[in-house]
Amino acid sequence: MRWWRVWLRGRRAWLALALVALIVVMGGLWSATRPRVANHFGYALPGADGLPTYVYANGRRYQSLQVCAYADWCATDRAQQNIPRCYTQADLSGRLRAWPLKYEATMYTLFGAPHDILTPVGLAGLVPVVQDGPDCYVMYQLEGST
């Protein structure tokens, strides 16, 4: 038997194992970029409109009907319920009385910079707000009982 056949025979198992591992990693990355997964686990997808429906902060789960990490359903819900895509600083400081904001936690963003989870001063932990661009703020509400 030639030396290269012996060398190749020992490498086939490692090559097959590496191929299976590559397929598993690629499948995991593909799954992680899906809106359903991002919304469920509460991390943002890159780009505008990438914020998830659910956010986890201070051991609690919060929900927003303003965003849904690129899923189609939230645009329809926003239109039906007349919910704005985001609030401006004027909205927060005026009629919503949720200004100024302070840092509360961090939301992970897949393949991007993390988002800060902010709360209004005096309402810490009750109303998470995430900035999604210049003068664009998304508000979350506590889900379930208090």
C-alpha atoms as a PDB file:
ATOM      1  CA  MET A   1       0.000   0.000   0.000  1.00  0.00           C
ATOM      2  CA  ARG A   2       1.253   3.403  -0.852  1.00  0.00           C
ATOM      3  CA  TRP A   3       2.006   5.883   1.904  1.00  0.00           C
ATOM      4  CA  TRP A   4      -0.588   8.462   0.772  1.00  0.00           C
ATOM      5  CA  ARG A   5      -3.422   5.886   0.996  1.00  0.00           C
ATOM      6  CA  VAL A   6      -2.527   5.131   4.599  1.00  0.00           C
ATOM      7  CA  TRP A   7      -2.304   8.844   5.353  1.00  0.00           C
ATOM      8  CA  LEU A   8      -5.645   9.537   3.630  1.00  0.00           C
ATOM      9  CA  ARG A   9      -7.476   6.661   5.345  1.00  0.00           C
ATOM     10  CA  GLY A  10      -6.704   8.107   8.777  1.00  0.00           C
ATOM     11  CA  ARG A  11      -7.871  11.551   7.681  1.00  0.00           C
ATOM     12  CA  ARG A  12     -11.267  10.499   6.264  1.00  0.00           C
ATOM     13  CA  ALA A  13     -12.875  10.160   9.693  1.00  0.00           C
ATOM     14  CA  TRP A  14     -11.596  13.597  10.741  1.00  0.00           C
ATOM     15  CA  LEU A  15     -12.720  15.101   7.454  1.00  0.00           C
ATOM     16  CA  ALA A  16     -16.231  13.647   7.870  1.00  0.00           C
ATOM     17  CA  LEU A  17     -16.374  14.861  11.472  1.00  0.00           C
ATOM     18  CA  ALA A  18     -15.243  18.342  10.425  1.00  0.00           C
ATOM     19  CA  LEU A  19     -17.881  18.418   7.688  1.00  0.00           C
ATOM     20  CA  VAL A  20     -20.645  17.452  10.135  1.00  0.00           C
ATOM     21  CA  ALA A  21     -19.438  20.094  12.599  1.00  0.00           C
ATOM     22  CA  LEU A  22     -19.423  22.721   9.842  1.00  0.00           C
ATOM     23  CA  ILE A  23     -22.997  21.822   8.860  1.00  0.00           C
ATOM     24  CA  VAL A  24     -24.145  22.061  12.499  1.00  0.00           C
ATOM     25  CA  VAL A  25     -22.473  25.471  12.955  1.00  0.00           C
ATOM     26  CA  MET A  26     -23.910  26.810   9.696  1.00  0.00           C
ATOM     27  CA  GLY A  27     -27.374  25.553  10.665  1.00  0.00           C
ATOM     28  CA  GLY A  28     -27.070  27.226  14.050  1.00  0.00           C
ATOM     29  CA  LEU A  29     -26.041  30.532  12.471  1.00  0.00           C
ATOM     30  CA  TRP A  30     -28.903  30.348   9.977  1.00  0.00           C
ATOM     31  CA  SER A  31     -31.371  29.613  12.770  1.00  0.00           C
ATOM     32  CA  ALA A  32     -30.029  32.459  14.916  1.00  0.00           C
ATOM     33  CA  THR A  33     -30.772  34.992  12.164  1.00  0.00           C
ATOM     34  CA  ARG A  34     -34.486  34.066  12.002  1.00  0.00           C
ATOM     35  CA  PRO A  35     -36.937  36.616  13.449  1.00  0.00           C
ATOM     36  CA  ARG A  36     -38.850  33.953  15.386  1.00  0.00           C
ATOM     37  CA  VAL A  37     -35.722  32.858  17.269  1.00  0.00           C
ATOM     38  CA  ALA A  38     -34.571  36.445  17.936  1.00  0.00           C
ATOM     39  CA  ASN A  39     -38.016  37.424  19.226  1.00  0.00           C
ATOM     40  CA  HIS A  40     -38.213  34.373  21.492  1.00  0.00           C
ATOM     41  CA  PHE A  41     -34.781  34.773  23.068  1.00  0.00           C
ATOM     42  CA  GLY A  42     -34.831  38.583  23.203  1.00  0.00           C
ATOM     43  CA  TYR A  43     -31.804  39.597  21.155  1.00  0.00           C
ATOM     44  CA  ALA A  44     -31.701  42.096  18.308  1.00  0.00           C
ATOM     45  CA  LEU A  45     -30.896  41.423  14.676  1.00  0.00           C
ATOM     46  CA  PRO A  46     -28.606  43.898  12.873  1.00  0.00           C
ATOM     47  CA  GLY A  47     -29.992  46.965  11.128  1.00  0.00           C
ATOM     48  CA  ALA A  48     -33.085  49.103  11.521  1.00  0.00           C
ATOM     49  CA  ASP A  49     -36.218  47.270  12.702  1.00  0.00           C
ATOM     50  CA  GLY A  50     -34.075  44.522  14.214  1.00  0.00           C
ATOM     51  CA  LEU A  51     -35.274  44.941  17.807  1.00  0.00           C
ATOM     52  CA  PRO A  52     -37.136  41.933  19.226  1.00  0.00           C
ATOM     53  CA  THR A  53     -40.674  41.832  20.583  1.00  0.00           C
ATOM     54  CA  TYR A  54     -39.444  40.570  23.956  1.00  0.00           C
ATOM     55  CA  VAL A  55     -36.687  41.964  26.161  1.00  0.00           C
ATOM     56  CA  TYR A  56     -35.337  40.419  29.341  1.00  0.00           C
ATOM     57  CA  ALA A  57     -34.119  42.806  32.033  1.00  0.00           C
ATOM     58  CA  ASN A  58     -33.877  42.528  35.814  1.00  0.00           C
ATOM     59  CA  GLY A  59     -35.167  38.964  35.690  1.00  0.00           C
ATOM     60  CA  ARG A  60     -38.417  40.055  34.031  1.00  0.00           C
ATOM     61  CA  ARG A  61     -39.813  39.718  30.508  1.00  0.00           C
ATOM     62  CA  TYR A  62     -41.084  42.815  28.703  1.00  0.00           C
ATOM     63  CA  GLN A  63     -43.006  43.083  25.426  1.00  0.00           C
ATOM     64  CA  SER A  64     -43.396  45.752  22.757  1.00  0.00           C
ATOM     65  CA  LEU A  65     -45.900  45.794  19.911  1.00  0.00           C
ATOM     66  CA  GLN A  66     -43.751  48.367  18.112  1.00  0.00           C
ATOM     67  CA  VAL A  67     -41.071  45.957  16.895  1.00  0.00           C
ATOM     68  CA  CYS A  68     -40.607  42.277  16.032  1.00  0.00           C
ATOM     69  CA  ALA A  69     -37.110  41.732  14.567  1.00  0.00           C
ATOM     70  CA  TYR A  70     -38.113  41.810  10.869  1.00  0.00           C
ATOM     71  CA  ALA A  71     -41.188  39.568  11.283  1.00  0.00           C
ATOM     72  CA  ASP A  72     -44.163  40.536   9.099  1.00  0.00           C
ATOM     73  CA  TRP A  73     -46.885  40.377  11.719  1.00  0.00           C
ATOM     74  CA  CYS A  74     -45.924  43.446  13.754  1.00  0.00           C
ATOM     75  CA  ALA A  75     -46.344  45.923  10.882  1.00  0.00           C
ATOM     76  CA  THR A  76     -49.924  44.714  10.486  1.00  0.00           C
ATOM     77  CA  ASP A  77     -50.572  44.868  14.238  1.00  0.00           C
ATOM     78  CA  ARG A  78     -49.087  48.377  14.467  1.00  0.00           C
ATOM     79  CA  ALA A  79     -51.319  49.597  11.632  1.00  0.00           C
ATOM     80  CA  GLN A  80     -54.463  48.008  13.079  1.00  0.00           C
ATOM     81  CA  GLN A  81     -53.857  49.364  16.585  1.00  0.00           C
ATOM     82  CA  ASN A  82     -52.443  52.725  15.435  1.00  0.00           C
ATOM     83  CA  ILE A  83     -49.160  52.175  17.321  1.00  0.00           C
ATOM     84  CA  PRO A  84     -46.190  54.303  16.177  1.00  0.00           C
ATOM     85  CA  ARG A  85     -43.019  52.511  15.033  1.00  0.00           C
ATOM     86  CA  CYS A  86     -41.050  54.529  17.584  1.00  0.00           C
ATOM     87  CA  TYR A  87     -41.377  57.519  19.877  1.00  0.00           C
ATOM     88  CA  THR A  88     -39.300  60.682  19.690  1.00  0.00           C
ATOM     89  CA  GLN A  89     -37.609  62.405  22.601  1.00  0.00           C
ATOM     90  CA  ALA A  90     -40.389  64.987  22.481  1.00  0.00           C
ATOM     91  CA  ASP A  91     -42.985  62.195  22.882  1.00  0.00           C
ATOM     92  CA  LEU A  92     -41.117  60.719  25.841  1.00  0.00           C
ATOM     93  CA  SER A  93     -40.601  64.027  27.622  1.00  0.00           C
ATOM     94  CA  GLY A  94     -44.090  65.350  26.810  1.00  0.00           C
ATOM     95  CA  ARG A  95     -47.199  63.194  26.921  1.00  0.00           C
ATOM     96  CA  LEU A  96     -45.494  59.946  28.033  1.00  0.00           C
ATOM     97  CA  ARG A  97     -43.560  61.582  30.910  1.00  0.00           C
ATOM     98  CA  ALA A  98     -40.678  59.158  30.477  1.00  0.00           C
ATOM     99  CA  TRP A  99     -37.668  61.477  30.221  1.00  0.00           C
ATOM    100  CA  PRO A 100     -34.757  61.628  31.135  1.00  0.00           C
ATOM    101  CA  LEU A 101     -33.512  58.077  30.639  1.00  0.00           C
ATOM    102  CA  LYS A 102     -30.775  56.188  32.455  1.00  0.00           C
ATOM    103  CA  TYR A 103     -28.909  52.978  31.629  1.00  0.00           C
ATOM    104  CA  GLU A 104     -30.443  49.772  33.040  1.00  0.00           C
ATOM    105  CA  ALA A 105     -29.055  46.785  31.070  1.00  0.00           C
ATOM    106  CA  THR A 106     -27.667  45.715  27.695  1.00  0.00           C
ATOM    107  CA  MET A 107     -29.384  43.828  24.879  1.00  0.00           C
ATOM    108  CA  TYR A 108     -27.185  41.634  22.702  1.00  0.00           C
ATOM    109  CA  THR A 109     -27.301  42.275  18.938  1.00  0.00           C
ATOM    110  CA  LEU A 110     -26.369  39.459  16.578  1.00  0.00           C
ATOM    111  CA  PHE A 111     -23.468  40.618  14.363  1.00  0.00           C
ATOM    112  CA  GLY A 112     -23.763  44.203  15.574  1.00  0.00           C
ATOM    113  CA  ALA A 113     -23.288  46.650  18.392  1.00  0.00           C
ATOM    114  CA  PRO A 114     -25.362  45.968  21.510  1.00  0.00           C
ATOM    115  CA  HIS A 115     -28.336  48.154  22.420  1.00  0.00           C
ATOM    116  CA  ASP A 116     -28.655  49.804  25.804  1.00  0.00           C
ATOM    117  CA  ILE A 117     -31.855  49.127  27.707  1.00  0.00           C
ATOM    118  CA  LEU A 118     -32.803  52.412  29.355  1.00  0.00           C
ATOM    119  CA  THR A 119     -35.438  53.329  31.909  1.00  0.00           C
ATOM    120  CA  PRO A 120     -36.954  56.670  32.828  1.00  0.00           C
ATOM    121  CA  VAL A 121     -35.461  58.216  35.951  1.00  0.00           C
ATOM    122  CA  GLY A 122     -37.865  57.527  38.798  1.00  0.00           C
ATOM    123  CA  LEU A 123     -39.437  54.530  37.033  1.00  0.00           C
ATOM    124  CA  ALA A 124     -36.347  52.301  37.048  1.00  0.00           C
ATOM    125  CA  GLY A 125     -37.096  48.725  36.066  1.00  0.00           C
ATOM    126  CA  LEU A 126     -40.730  49.434  35.195  1.00  0.00           C
ATOM    127  CA  VAL A 127     -40.615  50.775  31.629  1.00  0.00           C
ATOM    128  CA  PRO A 128     -37.652  49.647  29.515  1.00  0.00           C
ATOM    129  CA  VAL A 129     -36.879  51.871  26.534  1.00  0.00           C
ATOM    130  CA  VAL A 130     -34.453  50.972  23.743  1.00  0.00           C
ATOM    131  CA  GLN A 131     -33.065  53.541  21.325  1.00  0.00           C
ATOM    132  CA  ASP A 132     -33.321  52.300  17.731  1.00  0.00           C
ATOM    133  CA  GLY A 133     -31.705  55.099  15.816  1.00  0.00           C
ATOM    134  CA  PRO A 134     -31.488  58.855  16.150  1.00  0.00           C
ATOM    135  CA  ASP A 135     -34.551  60.164  17.997  1.00  0.00           C
ATOM    136  CA  CYS A 136     -36.315  56.788  17.738  1.00  0.00           C
ATOM    137  CA  TYR A 137     -37.208  55.085  21.022  1.00  0.00           C
ATOM    138  CA  VAL A 138     -39.100  51.814  21.496  1.00  0.00           C
ATOM    139  CA  MET A 139     -40.983  51.280  24.762  1.00  0.00           C
ATOM    140  CA  TYR A 140     -41.566  47.872  26.349  1.00  0.00           C
ATOM    141  CA  GLN A 141     -44.179  46.896  28.932  1.00  0.00           C
ATOM    142  CA  LEU A 142     -44.009  44.276  31.654  1.00  0.00           C
ATOM    143  CA  GLU A 143     -45.567  41.029  30.528  1.00  0.00           C
ATOM    144  CA  GLY A 144     -47.771  39.072  32.896  1.00  0.00           C
ATOM    145  CA  SER A 145     -48.504  39.992  36.490  1.00  0.00           C
ATOM    146  CA  THR A 146     -46.475  42.470  38.506  1.00  0.00           C
END
